[in-house]
Amino acid sequence: MDEILEILENDAKISLEKLAEITGYSEREIENYIKKKEDERVILGYKAIIDWEKQGKEDVYAIIDVKVGLNRETGYNNIAKRIARFSEVHSVRLVSGDYDLQIVVKGKNMKEVAFFVAEKISTLPEVRDTNTHFVLRTYKEEGVLLFEDEEDRRLAVAP
């Protein structure tokens, strides 16, 4: 029944009727399965992917790489959970490479994001270094293209 989860991940608005048609399970079986997965916190929510640029909203997103210093009392999970509680934070991931955590934050402007990094992230005792990348444009979000293919308007040249 994992097939149901894969379908929902790509289209959370799909009807039970259509799911039943695709998978061969009854609508009742699918409904019970989805409810069970919601109760188990396997399905954590349903989200629309919005192209805010087209909507005219000009929030600023930044990706912040964070290097942390660990001690006996504090591990990656504790630091990540503390950072995740800030309202500006959209995602926190433990990553490999030169930095330990990758944070995606949202603010009204670059200054707001910079203050967030300077006042809330950099001041945490375990934080050793940060590297901030401002997102200039997003082309694909959660597997969805945020652009439409444009017609090639170049003149055809024949040899």
Protein backbone atom coordinates (compact mmCIF):
# COMPACT_ATOMS: atom_id res chain seq x y z
CA MET A 1 0.00 0.00 0.00
CA ASP A 2 3.06 2.29 -0.06
CA GLU A 3 1.93 3.07 -3.60
CA ILE A 4 -0.85 5.16 -2.05
CA LEU A 5 1.69 7.26 -0.17
CA GLU A 6 3.72 7.81 -3.35
CA ILE A 7 0.64 8.95 -5.23
CA LEU A 8 -0.43 11.28 -2.39
CA GLU A 9 3.08 12.74 -2.23
CA ASN A 10 2.71 13.86 -5.85
CA ASP A 11 -0.98 14.81 -5.74
CA ALA A 12 -2.55 15.31 -2.31
CA LYS A 13 -5.85 16.37 -3.92
CA ILE A 14 -6.43 13.07 -5.70
CA SER A 15 -9.84 11.60 -4.93
CA LEU A 16 -10.38 8.30 -3.13
CA GLU A 17 -12.24 7.15 -6.24
CA LYS A 18 -9.23 7.80 -8.47
CA LEU A 19 -6.85 6.19 -5.92
CA ALA A 20 -9.05 3.10 -5.90
CA GLU A 21 -9.05 3.00 -9.69
CA ILE A 22 -5.24 3.26 -9.84
CA THR A 23 -4.36 0.86 -7.01
CA GLY A 24 -7.17 -1.69 -7.08
CA TYR A 25 -7.96 -1.21 -3.38
CA SER A 26 -11.44 -0.19 -2.25
CA GLU A 27 -12.14 3.41 -1.27
CA ARG A 28 -12.81 2.22 2.30
CA GLU A 29 -9.43 0.40 2.47
CA ILE A 30 -7.64 3.49 1.18
CA GLU A 31 -9.47 5.80 3.57
CA ASN A 32 -8.58 3.55 6.53
CA TYR A 33 -4.96 3.26 5.40
CA ILE A 34 -4.59 7.05 5.06
CA LYS A 35 -6.18 7.62 8.48
CA LYS A 36 -3.81 5.05 10.03
CA LYS A 37 -0.77 6.73 8.43
CA GLU A 38 -1.95 10.13 9.67
CA ASP A 39 -2.36 8.72 13.21
CA GLU A 40 1.13 7.15 13.02
CA ARG A 41 2.53 10.53 11.87
CA VAL A 42 3.80 8.97 8.64
CA ILE A 43 1.63 11.47 6.78
CA LEU A 44 2.49 14.74 8.50
CA GLY A 45 0.41 17.16 6.45
CA TYR A 46 -0.77 18.21 3.01
CA LYS A 47 0.76 21.20 1.29
CA ALA A 48 0.14 23.27 -1.81
CA ILE A 49 3.18 24.41 -3.78
CA ILE A 50 2.72 28.10 -4.57
CA ASP A 51 4.74 30.18 -7.00
CA TRP A 52 4.83 33.26 -4.75
CA GLU A 53 6.81 35.23 -7.34
CA LYS A 54 3.85 35.00 -9.75
CA GLN A 55 1.56 36.01 -6.90
CA GLY A 56 3.64 39.16 -6.37
CA LYS A 57 4.87 38.28 -2.88
CA GLU A 58 8.49 39.20 -2.45
CA ASP A 59 9.72 37.30 0.60
CA VAL A 60 13.40 36.45 0.75
CA TYR A 61 14.66 32.91 1.27
CA ALA A 62 18.16 31.98 2.33
CA ILE A 63 20.06 28.75 2.78
CA ILE A 64 22.32 28.89 5.80
CA ASP A 65 25.12 26.37 6.26
CA VAL A 66 25.98 25.97 9.93
CA LYS A 67 29.08 24.41 11.47
CA VAL A 68 28.60 23.37 15.09
CA GLY A 69 30.83 22.33 17.95
CA LEU A 70 29.54 19.42 19.97
CA ASN A 71 30.00 18.68 23.66
CA ARG A 72 28.90 15.87 25.98
CA GLU A 73 25.54 17.46 26.76
CA THR A 74 24.61 18.66 23.29
CA GLY A 75 24.44 16.68 20.05
CA TYR A 76 23.28 17.49 16.53
CA ASN A 77 19.68 16.57 17.33
CA ASN A 78 19.46 19.00 20.25
CA ILE A 79 20.90 21.88 18.25
CA ALA A 80 18.75 21.12 15.19
CA LYS A 81 15.58 20.92 17.31
CA ARG A 82 16.38 24.26 18.96
CA ILE A 83 16.94 25.93 15.58
CA ALA A 84 13.81 24.31 14.09
CA ARG A 85 11.63 26.08 16.68
CA PHE A 86 12.37 29.55 15.26
CA SER A 87 9.39 30.76 13.22
CA GLU A 88 11.66 32.01 10.41
CA VAL A 89 13.00 28.49 9.81
CA HIS A 90 11.38 26.43 7.04
CA SER A 91 13.67 23.40 7.18
CA VAL A 92 16.69 22.05 9.02
CA ARG A 93 18.80 19.15 7.79
CA LEU A 94 21.86 17.35 9.08
CA VAL A 95 24.21 17.19 6.09
CA SER A 96 27.63 15.84 5.20
CA GLY A 97 30.52 18.01 4.04
CA ASP A 98 32.19 21.11 5.44
CA TYR A 99 29.10 22.17 7.39
CA ASP A 100 26.89 20.15 9.72
CA LEU A 101 23.42 21.66 9.34
CA GLN A 102 21.60 23.27 6.43
CA ILE A 103 18.81 25.68 7.31
CA VAL A 104 16.29 27.30 4.97
CA VAL A 105 14.82 30.54 6.35
CA LYS A 106 12.28 33.08 5.12
CA GLY A 107 12.16 36.81 5.81
CA LYS A 108 10.54 39.95 4.45
CA ASN A 109 13.88 41.23 3.12
CA MET A 110 17.62 40.51 3.12
CA LYS A 111 18.19 42.67 6.19
CA GLU A 112 15.65 40.68 8.21
CA VAL A 113 17.34 37.40 7.24
CA ALA A 114 20.78 38.83 8.04
CA PHE A 115 19.58 39.93 11.49
CA PHE A 116 18.09 36.49 12.09
CA VAL A 117 21.47 34.87 11.35
CA ALA A 118 23.41 37.41 13.41
CA GLU A 119 21.08 37.55 16.40
CA LYS A 120 19.51 34.10 16.66
CA ILE A 121 21.76 31.55 14.92
CA SER A 122 25.28 32.89 15.41
CA THR A 123 24.66 33.59 19.09
CA LEU A 124 23.96 29.93 19.91
CA PRO A 125 26.95 28.66 21.93
CA GLU A 126 27.42 25.54 19.75
CA VAL A 127 27.51 27.46 16.46
CA ARG A 128 31.09 27.81 15.17
CA ASP A 129 30.51 29.20 11.68
CA THR A 130 27.73 30.10 9.24
CA ASN A 131 27.61 30.64 5.50
CA THR A 132 24.50 32.32 4.09
CA HIS A 133 23.27 31.95 0.51
CA PHE A 134 20.34 34.10 -0.59
CA VAL A 135 17.96 32.40 -3.02
CA LEU A 136 17.68 34.55 -6.12
CA ARG A 137 15.13 32.43 -8.01
CA THR A 138 13.57 29.01 -7.60
CA TYR A 139 13.05 26.89 -10.71
CA LYS A 140 11.79 23.67 -9.13
CA GLU A 141 10.15 23.09 -5.76
CA GLU A 142 9.25 19.70 -4.31
CA GLY A 143 9.50 18.13 -7.77
CA VAL A 144 7.28 20.76 -9.41
CA LEU A 145 8.65 23.01 -12.17
CA LEU A 146 7.95 26.69 -11.49
CA PHE A 147 8.32 27.75 -15.09
CA GLU A 148 6.58 27.06 -18.34
CA ASP A 149 8.54 25.99 -21.38
CA GLU A 150 8.84 28.93 -23.72
CA GLU A 151 8.54 28.61 -27.45
CA ASP A 152 11.91 28.82 -29.23
CA ARG A 153 11.68 32.10 -31.17
CA ARG A 154 15.02 31.87 -32.94
CA LEU A 155 14.99 31.79 -36.71
CA ALA A 156 15.78 28.44 -38.23
CA VAL A 157 19.00 28.53 -40.24
CA ALA A 158 19.60 25.92 -42.94
CA PRO A 159 23.07 25.34 -44.42
